[in-house]
Structure formats: structure tokens, C-alpha cells
PDB file of N, CA and C in Angstrom:
ATOM      1  N   MET A   1     102.736 162.739 106.169  1.00  0.00           N
ATOM      2  CA  MET A   1     102.684 162.691 104.716  1.00  0.00           C
ATOM      3  C   MET A   1     102.247 164.128 104.052  1.00  0.00           C
ATOM      4  N   LYS A   2     100.922 164.462 104.692  1.00  0.00           N
ATOM      5  CA  LYS A   2     100.224 165.801 104.346  1.00  0.00           C
ATOM      6  C   LYS A   2     101.369 167.307 104.664  1.00  0.00           C
ATOM      7  N   MET A   3     101.948 166.872 105.693  1.00  0.00           N
ATOM      8  CA  MET A   3     102.985 168.044 105.973  1.00  0.00           C
ATOM      9  C   MET A   3     104.195 168.284 104.860  1.00  0.00           C
ATOM     10  N   VAL A   4     104.439 167.185 104.507  1.00  0.00           N
ATOM     11  CA  VAL A   4     105.152 167.263 103.610  1.00  0.00           C
ATOM     12  C   VAL A   4     104.945 167.584 102.006  1.00  0.00           C
ATOM     13  N   ARG A   5     103.782 167.304 101.637  1.00  0.00           N
ATOM     14  CA  ARG A   5     102.886 167.933 100.511  1.00  0.00           C
ATOM     15  C   ARG A   5     102.792 169.276 100.791  1.00  0.00           C
ATOM     16  N   ALA A   6     102.506 169.731 101.980  1.00  0.00           N
ATOM     17  CA  ALA A   6     102.049 171.275 102.039  1.00  0.00           C
ATOM     18  C   ALA A   6     103.486 172.175 102.020  1.00  0.00           C
ATOM     19  N   THR A   7     104.591 171.332 102.500  1.00  0.00           N
ATOM     20  CA  THR A   7     105.748 172.251 102.671  1.00  0.00           C
ATOM     21  C   THR A   7     106.264 172.215 101.181  1.00  0.00           C
ATOM     22  N   ALA A   8     106.137 171.017 100.404  1.00  0.00           N
ATOM     23  CA  ALA A   8     106.889 171.197  98.636  1.00  0.00           C
ATOM     24  C   ALA A   8     105.745 172.264  98.142  1.00  0.00           C
ATOM     25  N   PHE A   9     104.536 172.190  98.158  1.00  0.00           N
ATOM     26  CA  PHE A   9     103.619 173.219  97.644  1.00  0.00           C
ATOM     27  C   PHE A   9     103.835 174.594  97.706  1.00  0.00           C
ATOM     28  N   LEU A  10     104.138 174.741  99.127  1.00  0.00           N
ATOM     29  CA  LEU A  10     104.566 176.265  99.551  1.00  0.00           C
ATOM     30  C   LEU A  10     105.878 176.780  98.871  1.00  0.00           C
ATOM     31  N   LEU A  11     106.787 175.814  99.030  1.00  0.00           N
ATOM     32  CA  LEU A  11     108.059 175.903  98.346  1.00  0.00           C
ATOM     33  C   LEU A  11     107.966 176.119  96.962  1.00  0.00           C
ATOM     34  N   ALA A  12     107.070 175.245  96.162  1.00  0.00           N
ATOM     35  CA  ALA A  12     106.966 175.654  94.714  1.00  0.00           C
ATOM     36  C   ALA A  12     106.164 176.873  94.476  1.00  0.00           C
ATOM     37  N   CYS A  13     105.314 177.461  95.376  1.00  0.00           N
ATOM     38  CA  CYS A  13     104.755 178.871  95.317  1.00  0.00           C
ATOM     39  C   CYS A  13     105.749 179.815  95.322  1.00  0.00           C
ATOM     40  N   LEU A  14     106.488 179.757  96.220  1.00  0.00           N
ATOM     41  CA  LEU A  14     107.756 180.783  96.510  1.00  0.00           C
ATOM     42  C   LEU A  14     108.602 180.926  95.270  1.00  0.00           C
ATOM     43  N   VAL A  15     109.029 179.725  94.869  1.00  0.00           N
ATOM     44  CA  VAL A  15     109.849 179.906  93.573  1.00  0.00           C
ATOM     45  C   VAL A  15     109.364 180.330  92.396  1.00  0.00           C
ATOM     46  N   VAL A  16     108.184 179.913  92.261  1.00  0.00           N
ATOM     47  CA  VAL A  16     107.151 180.565  90.983  1.00  0.00           C
ATOM     48  C   VAL A  16     107.030 181.931  91.242  1.00  0.00           C
ATOM     49  N   GLY A  17     106.554 182.567  92.569  1.00  0.00           N
ATOM     50  CA  GLY A  17     106.615 183.950  92.974  1.00  0.00           C
ATOM     51  C   GLY A  17     107.422 184.732  92.673  1.00  0.00           C
ATOM     52  N   SER A  18     108.800 184.232  93.144  1.00  0.00           N
ATOM     53  CA  SER A  18     109.751 185.061  92.759  1.00  0.00           C
ATOM     54  C   SER A  18     110.336 185.196  91.670  1.00  0.00           C
ATOM     55  N   SER A  19     110.263 184.247  90.554  1.00  0.00           N
ATOM     56  CA  SER A  19     110.395 184.587  89.152  1.00  0.00           C
ATOM     57  C   SER A  19     109.331 185.119  88.593  1.00  0.00           C
ATOM     58  N   LEU A  20     108.252 185.427  88.767  1.00  0.00           N
ATOM     59  CA  LEU A  20     107.370 186.294  88.195  1.00  0.00           C
ATOM     60  C   LEU A  20     107.766 187.571  88.813  1.00  0.00           C
ATOM     61  N   LEU A  21     108.007 187.900  90.120  1.00  0.00           N
ATOM     62  CA  LEU A  21     108.647 189.209  90.582  1.00  0.00           C
ATOM     63  C   LEU A  21     109.693 189.627  89.858  1.00  0.00           C
ATOM     64  N   ASP A  22     110.664 189.073  89.507  1.00  0.00           N
ATOM     65  CA  ASP A  22     111.874 189.195  88.926  1.00  0.00           C
ATOM     66  C   ASP A  22     111.803 189.840  87.707  1.00  0.00           C
ATOM     67  N   SER A  23     110.594 189.120  86.917  1.00  0.00           N
ATOM     68  CA  SER A  23     110.272 189.464  85.569  1.00  0.00           C
ATOM     69  C   SER A  23     109.717 190.897  85.472  1.00  0.00           C
ATOM     70  N   THR A  24     108.803 190.973  86.544  1.00  0.00           N
ATOM     71  CA  THR A  24     108.150 192.155  86.721  1.00  0.00           C
ATOM     72  C   THR A  24     108.984 193.449  86.835  1.00  0.00           C
ATOM     73  N   VAL A  25     109.929 193.311  87.805  1.00  0.00           N
ATOM     74  CA  VAL A  25     110.691 194.251  88.130  1.00  0.00           C
ATOM     75  C   VAL A  25     111.671 194.523  86.648  1.00  0.00           C
ATOM     76  N   ALA A  26     112.041 193.510  85.984  1.00  0.00           N
ATOM     77  CA  ALA A  26     113.083 193.522  84.852  1.00  0.00           C
ATOM     78  C   ALA A  26     112.190 194.398  84.036  1.00  0.00           C
ATOM     79  N   ALA A  27     110.935 194.149  83.836  1.00  0.00           N
ATOM     80  CA  ALA A  27     110.070 194.934  82.893  1.00  0.00           C
ATOM     81  C   ALA A  27     109.845 196.339  83.209  1.00  0.00           C
ATOM     82  N   GLY A  28     109.965 196.666  84.339  1.00  0.00           N
ATOM     83  CA  GLY A  28     109.989 197.979  84.975  1.00  0.00           C
ATOM     84  C   GLY A  28     111.283 199.002  84.761  1.00  0.00           C
ATOM     85  N   THR A  29     112.185 198.071  84.789  1.00  0.00           N
ATOM     86  CA  THR A  29     113.665 198.476  84.415  1.00  0.00           C
ATOM     87  C   THR A  29     114.032 198.988  83.225  1.00  0.00           C
ATOM     88  N   SER A  30     113.619 198.057  82.143  1.00  0.00           N
ATOM     89  CA  SER A  30     113.619 198.262  80.797  1.00  0.00           C
ATOM     90  C   SER A  30     112.667 199.424  80.266  1.00  0.00           C
ATOM     91  N   PHE A  31     111.490 199.667  80.945  1.00  0.00           N
ATOM     92  CA  PHE A  31     110.853 200.649  80.649  1.00  0.00           C
ATOM     93  C   PHE A  31     111.490 202.076  80.899  1.00  0.00           C
ATOM     94  N   CYS A  32     111.940 202.294  82.286  1.00  0.00           N
ATOM     95  CA  CYS A  32     112.696 203.194  82.712  1.00  0.00           C
ATOM     96  C   CYS A  32     113.943 203.706  81.796  1.00  0.00           C
ATOM     97  N   GLY A  33     114.760 202.583  81.459  1.00  0.00           N
ATOM     98  CA  GLY A  33     115.807 202.772  80.968  1.00  0.00           C
ATOM     99  C   GLY A  33     115.551 203.437  79.410  1.00  0.00           C
ATOM    100  N   SER A  34     114.752 202.770  78.801  1.00  0.00           N
ATOM    101  CA  SER A  34     114.260 203.262  77.353  1.00  0.00           C
ATOM    102  C   SER A  34     113.869 204.869  77.527  1.00  0.00           C
ATOM    103  N   LYS A  35     112.885 205.074  78.287  1.00  0.00           N
ATOM    104  CA  LYS A  35     112.415 206.234  78.424  1.00  0.00           C
ATOM    105  C   LYS A  35     113.150 207.287  79.002  1.00  0.00           C
ATOM    106  N   CYS A  36     114.271 207.004  79.950  1.00  0.00           N
ATOM    107  CA  CYS A  36     115.173 208.010  80.337  1.00  0.00           C
ATOM    108  C   CYS A  36     116.415 208.211  79.506  1.00  0.00           C
ATOM    109  N   SER A  37     116.532 207.059  78.497  1.00  0.00           N
ATOM    110  CA  SER A  37     117.633 207.269  77.537  1.00  0.00           C
ATOM    111  C   SER A  37     117.176 208.424  76.422  1.00  0.00           C
ATOM    112  N   ALA A  38     115.658 208.168  76.263  1.00  0.00           N
ATOM    113  CA  ALA A  38     115.148 208.981  75.352  1.00  0.00           C
ATOM    114  C   ALA A  38     115.193 210.567  75.821  1.00  0.00           C
ATOM    115  N   ARG A  39     114.762 210.688  77.157  1.00  0.00           N
ATOM    116  CA  ARG A  39     114.578 212.052  77.850  1.00  0.00           C
ATOM    117  C   ARG A  39     115.707 212.727  77.966  1.00  0.00           C
ATOM    118  N   CYS A  40     116.865 211.974  78.115  1.00  0.00           N
ATOM    119  CA  CYS A  40     118.224 212.661  78.406  1.00  0.00           C
ATOM    120  C   CYS A  40     119.087 212.409  76.817  1.00  0.00           C
ATOM    121  N   SER A  41     118.454 212.167  75.744  1.00  0.00           N
ATOM    122  CA  SER A  41     119.469 212.287  74.570  1.00  0.00           C
ATOM    123  C   SER A  41     120.235 213.234  74.298  1.00  0.00           C
ATOM    124  N   LYS A  42     119.654 214.716  74.708  1.00  0.00           N
ATOM    125  CA  LYS A  42     120.381 215.754  74.335  1.00  0.00           C
ATOM    126  C   LYS A  42     121.021 216.317  75.282  1.00  0.00           C
ATOM    127  N   ALA A  43     120.916 215.952  76.644  1.00  0.00           N
ATOM    128  CA  ALA A  43     121.771 216.393  78.094  1.00  0.00           C
ATOM    129  C   ALA A  43     123.105 216.532  77.587  1.00  0.00           C
ATOM    130  N   GLY A  44     124.000 217.589  78.265  1.00  0.00           N
ATOM    131  CA  GLY A  44     125.117 217.640  78.306  1.00  0.00           C
ATOM    132  C   GLY A  44     126.046 216.503  79.288  1.00  0.00           C
ATOM    133  N   LEU A  45     125.369 216.109  80.493  1.00  0.00           N
ATOM    134  CA  LEU A  45     125.939 215.069  81.243  1.00  0.00           C
ATOM    135  C   LEU A  45     124.849 213.999  81.109  1.00  0.00           C
ATOM    136  N   LYS A  46     125.051 213.316  80.379  1.00  0.00           N
ATOM    137  CA  LYS A  46     123.934 211.920  80.041  1.00  0.00           C
ATOM    138  C   LYS A  46     123.779 211.211  81.246  1.00  0.00           C
ATOM    139  N   ASP A  47     125.052 210.577  81.650  1.00  0.00           N
ATOM    140  CA  ASP A  47     125.238 210.011  82.832  1.00  0.00           C
ATOM    141  C   ASP A  47     124.377 210.341  83.992  1.00  0.00           C
ATOM    142  N   ARG A  48     124.657 211.606  84.305  1.00  0.00           N
ATOM    143  CA  ARG A  48     123.938 211.847  85.633  1.00  0.00           C
ATOM    144  C   ARG A  48     122.314 212.325  85.149  1.00  0.00           C
ATOM    145  N   CYS A  49     122.099 212.623  83.839  1.00  0.00           N
ATOM    146  CA  CYS A  49     120.766 212.816  83.717  1.00  0.00           C
ATOM    147  C   CYS A  49     119.901 211.332  83.852  1.00  0.00           C
ATOM    148  N   VAL A  50     120.493 210.530  83.063  1.00  0.00           N
ATOM    149  CA  VAL A  50     119.819 209.155  83.123  1.00  0.00           C
ATOM    150  C   VAL A  50     119.772 208.613  84.803  1.00  0.00           C
ATOM    151  N   LYS A  51     121.013 209.048  85.270  1.00  0.00           N
ATOM    152  CA  LYS A  51     120.683 208.434  87.030  1.00  0.00           C
ATOM    153  C   LYS A  51     119.362 209.106  87.487  1.00  0.00           C
ATOM    154  N   TYR A  52     119.312 210.200  87.578  1.00  0.00           N
ATOM    155  CA  TYR A  52     118.379 210.720  88.300  1.00  0.00           C
ATOM    156  C   TYR A  52     116.977 210.533  87.593  1.00  0.00           C
ATOM    157  N   CYS A  53     116.880 210.413  86.226  1.00  0.00           N
ATOM    158  CA  CYS A  53     115.621 210.065  85.408  1.00  0.00           C
ATOM    159  C   CYS A  53     115.220 208.891  85.940  1.00  0.00           C
ATOM    160  N   ARG A  54     116.202 207.811  86.305  1.00  0.00           N
ATOM    161  CA  ARG A  54     115.788 206.540  86.634  1.00  0.00           C
ATOM    162  C   ARG A  54     115.247 206.358  87.922  1.00  0.00           C
ATOM    163  N   ILE A  55     115.844 207.322  88.844  1.00  0.00           N
ATOM    164  CA  ILE A  55     115.417 207.458  90.288  1.00  0.00           C
ATOM    165  C   ILE A  55     113.989 207.732  90.254  1.00  0.00           C
ATOM    166  N   CYS A  56     113.751 208.927  89.497  1.00  0.00           N
ATOM    167  CA  CYS A  56     112.307 209.472  89.558  1.00  0.00           C
ATOM    168  C   CYS A  56     111.414 208.415  88.817  1.00  0.00           C
ATOM    169  N   CYS A  57     111.895 207.854  87.559  1.00  0.00           N
ATOM    170  CA  CYS A  57     110.797 206.855  87.006  1.00  0.00           C
ATOM    171  C   CYS A  57     110.497 205.814  87.620  1.00  0.00           C
ATOM    172  N   ASP A  58     111.610 205.080  88.797  1.00  0.00           N
ATOM    173  CA  ASP A  58     111.340 204.004  89.537  1.00  0.00           C
ATOM    174  C   ASP A  58     110.116 204.468  90.794  1.00  0.00           C
ATOM    175  N   LYS A  59     110.342 205.500  91.232  1.00  0.00           N
ATOM    176  CA  LYS A  59     109.431 206.185  92.026  1.00  0.00           C
ATOM    177  C   LYS A  59     108.281 206.636  91.712  1.00  0.00           C
ATOM    178  N   CYS A  60     108.041 207.061  90.344  1.00  0.00           N
ATOM    179  CA  CYS A  60     106.861 207.717  90.051  1.00  0.00           C
ATOM    180  C   CYS A  60     106.053 206.861  88.790  1.00  0.00           C
ATOM    181  N   LYS A  61     107.138 205.638  88.277  1.00  0.00           N
ATOM    182  CA  LYS A  61     106.425 205.005  86.935  1.00  0.00           C
ATOM    183  C   LYS A  61     106.055 205.762  85.798  1.00  0.00           C
ATOM    184  N   CYS A  62     106.598 207.028  85.508  1.00  0.00           N
ATOM    185  CA  CYS A  62     106.159 207.407  84.469  1.00  0.00           C
ATOM    186  C   CYS A  62     107.315 208.561  84.177  1.00  0.00           C
ATOM    187  N   VAL A  63     107.773 209.178  82.932  1.00  0.00           N
ATOM    188  CA  VAL A  63     108.720 209.809  82.479  1.00  0.00           C
ATOM    189  C   VAL A  63     107.940 210.956  81.483  1.00  0.00           C
ATOM    190  N   PRO A  64     107.928 212.071  81.509  1.00  0.00           N
ATOM    191  CA  PRO A  64     107.662 212.984  80.554  1.00  0.00           C
ATOM    192  C   PRO A  64     107.984 212.850  78.812  1.00  0.00           C
ATOM    193  N   SER A  65     106.979 212.898  78.162  1.00  0.00           N
ATOM    194  CA  SER A  65     107.437 213.123  76.696  1.00  0.00           C
ATOM    195  C   SER A  65     108.649 214.056  76.420  1.00  0.00           C
ATOM    196  N   GLY A  66     109.451 213.779  75.146  1.00  0.00           N
ATOM    197  CA  GLY A  66     110.437 214.833  74.996  1.00  0.00           C
ATOM    198  C   GLY A  66     111.664 214.877  75.624  1.00  0.00           C
ATOM    199  N   THR A  67     112.648 215.789  75.103  1.00  0.00           N
ATOM    200  CA  THR A  67     113.891 215.867  76.117  1.00  0.00           C
ATOM    201  C   THR A  67     113.742 216.817  77.184  1.00  0.00           C
ATOM    202  N   TYR A  68     112.945 217.754  77.356  1.00  0.00           N
ATOM    203  CA  TYR A  68     112.633 218.926  78.047  1.00  0.00           C
ATOM    204  C   TYR A  68     111.269 219.255  78.199  1.00  0.00           C
ATOM    205  N   GLY A  69     111.204 219.698  79.336  1.00  0.00           N
ATOM    206  CA  GLY A  69     109.589 220.452  79.509  1.00  0.00           C
ATOM    207  C   GLY A  69     108.680 218.956  79.636  1.00  0.00           C
ATOM    208  N   ASN A  70     107.414 219.390  79.663  1.00  0.00           N
ATOM    209  CA  ASN A  70     106.221 218.741  79.455  1.00  0.00           C
ATOM    210  C   ASN A  70     106.120 217.645  81.037  1.00  0.00           C
ATOM    211  N   LYS A  71     106.628 218.401  81.994  1.00  0.00           N
ATOM    212  CA  LYS A  71     106.584 218.004  83.177  1.00  0.00           C
ATOM    213  C   LYS A  71     105.118 217.614  83.720  1.00  0.00           C
ATOM    214  N   HIS A  72     104.246 218.570  82.967  1.00  0.00           N
ATOM    215  CA  HIS A  72     102.861 218.287  83.463  1.00  0.00           C
ATOM    216  C   HIS A  72     102.080 217.137  83.249  1.00  0.00           C
ATOM    217  N   GLU A  73     102.924 216.174  82.499  1.00  0.00           N
ATOM    218  CA  GLU A  73     102.386 214.790  81.881  1.00  0.00           C
ATOM    219  C   GLU A  73     102.744 213.879  83.181  1.00  0.00           C
ATOM    220  N   CYS A  74     103.190 214.179  84.019  1.00  0.00           N
ATOM    221  CA  CYS A  74     103.471 213.108  85.347  1.00  0.00           C
ATOM    222  C   CYS A  74     103.691 214.080  86.538  1.00  0.00           C
ATOM    223  N   PRO A  75     102.599 214.614  87.060  1.00  0.00           N
ATOM    224  CA  PRO A  75     102.628 215.549  88.169  1.00  0.00           C
ATOM    225  C   PRO A  75     103.759 214.901  89.263  1.00  0.00           C
ATOM    226  N   CYS A  76     104.007 213.544  89.601  1.00  0.00           N
ATOM    227  CA  CYS A  76     104.882 212.973  90.641  1.00  0.00           C
ATOM    228  C   CYS A  76     106.344 213.319  90.089  1.00  0.00           C
ATOM    229  N   TYR A  77     106.700 213.132  88.941  1.00  0.00           N
ATOM    230  CA  TYR A  77     107.977 213.090  88.429  1.00  0.00           C
ATOM    231  C   TYR A  77     108.095 214.777  88.601  1.00  0.00           C
ATOM    232  N   ARG A  78     107.310 215.583  88.334  1.00  0.00           N
ATOM    233  CA  ARG A  78     107.544 217.163  88.457  1.00  0.00           C
ATOM    234  C   ARG A  78     107.748 217.815  90.005  1.00  0.00           C
ATOM    235  N   ASP A  79     107.068 217.057  90.703  1.00  0.00           N
ATOM    236  CA  ASP A  79     107.194 217.506  92.211  1.00  0.00           C
ATOM    237  C   ASP A  79     108.294 216.844  93.033  1.00  0.00           C
ATOM    238  N   LEU A  80     108.842 215.779  92.492  1.00  0.00           N
ATOM    239  CA  LEU A  80     109.846 215.504  93.559  1.00  0.00           C
ATOM    240  C   LEU A  80     111.064 216.650  93.351  1.00  0.00           C
ATOM    241  N   LYS A  81     111.538 216.658  94.635  1.00  0.00           N
ATOM    242  CA  LYS A  81     112.681 217.721  95.050  1.00  0.00           C
ATOM    243  C   LYS A  81     113.748 217.195  95.615  1.00  0.00           C
ATOM    244  N   ASN A  82     114.928 217.505  95.463  1.00  0.00           N
ATOM    245  CA  ASN A  82     116.203 217.474  95.898  1.00  0.00           C
ATOM    246  C   ASN A  82     116.322 218.091  97.412  1.00  0.00           C
ATOM    247  N   SER A  83     117.406 217.603  98.173  1.00  0.00           N
ATOM    248  CA  SER A  83     117.494 218.212  99.575  1.00  0.00           C
ATOM    249  C   SER A  83     117.620 219.715  99.374  1.00  0.00           C
ATOM    250  N   LYS A  84     117.646 220.526  98.486  1.00  0.00           N
ATOM    251  CA  LYS A  84     117.968 221.914  98.454  1.00  0.00           C
ATOM    252  C   LYS A  84     116.395 222.667  97.974  1.00  0.00           C
ATOM    253  N   GLY A  85     115.652 221.633  97.784  1.00  0.00           N
ATOM    254  CA  GLY A  85     114.178 222.200  97.306  1.00  0.00           C
ATOM    255  C   GLY A  85     114.256 222.528  95.708  1.00  0.00           C
ATOM    256  N   LYS A  86     115.197 222.014  95.259  1.00  0.00           N
ATOM    257  CA  LYS A  86     115.236 222.125  93.360  1.00  0.00           C
ATOM    258  C   LYS A  86     114.303 220.938  92.844  1.00  0.00           C
ATOM    259  N   PRO A  87     114.263 220.959  91.494  1.00  0.00           N
ATOM    260  CA  PRO A  87     113.524 219.682  90.913  1.00  0.00           C
ATOM    261  C   PRO A  87     114.730 218.613  91.026  1.00  0.00           C
ATOM    262  N   LYS A  88     114.148 217.618  91.321  1.00  0.00           N
ATOM    263  CA  LYS A  88     115.194 216.458  91.442  1.00  0.00           C
ATOM    264  C   LYS A  88     115.323 215.762  89.896  1.00  0.00           C
ATOM    265  N   CYS A  89     113.956 215.767  89.164  1.00  0.00           N
ATOM    266  CA  CYS A  89     114.042 215.006  87.909  1.00  0.00           C
ATOM    267  C   CYS A  89     114.488 215.746  86.579  1.00  0.00           C
ATOM    268  N   PRO A  90     115.159 215.228  85.801  1.00  0.00           N
ATOM    269  CA  PRO A  90     115.489 216.073  84.493  1.00  0.00           C
ATOM    270  C   PRO A  90     114.344 216.224  83.650  1.00  0.00           C
TER     271      PRO A  90
END
């Protein structure tokens, strides 16, 4: 009987934990989405800008303010490079 209760308790913890994790990830995604939409609002290739901005935001958890520059506000975002050694983040 104790084994059944322990198993049920662990199962309940997993369900609650996974639902909390999903809401945390969703919150992070909406943060990056809104910040990157603002950052890329004046870009010529908005889809590409938002794509790379979101990659950088997911990794660094920040996006510089404004539509250009200000990368000193987020050193991780500033320092990410592509395979050719050029800045990855818009």
C-alpha cells in the first residue's frame, strides 16, 4: 500500500512539475518574441532578423533596447558569433 501511495505521489509531482516548466518556457518565449519584434521592427528582412534575434535571446535571456546598436547592454548577445566570425545577433 505504501508503494502505491509513493508511486502516485511521484506521478503527481511529475505532472505538476512539467506543467510549471511549460509555463516558464512559454513565458520566456513571449519575452523573446516581443523584444525581438521591437528590435527588428525596422529591419529590411524582418523574418530573418526575428529568427536570429530569438536564437540569441533564448541563449542570452536579454535583447538590447532599440532597433539598432546598444549591444553593450547585453554582452552575451553582443559576443555571439556565426561560423564566419561575424556577429550572429541583429
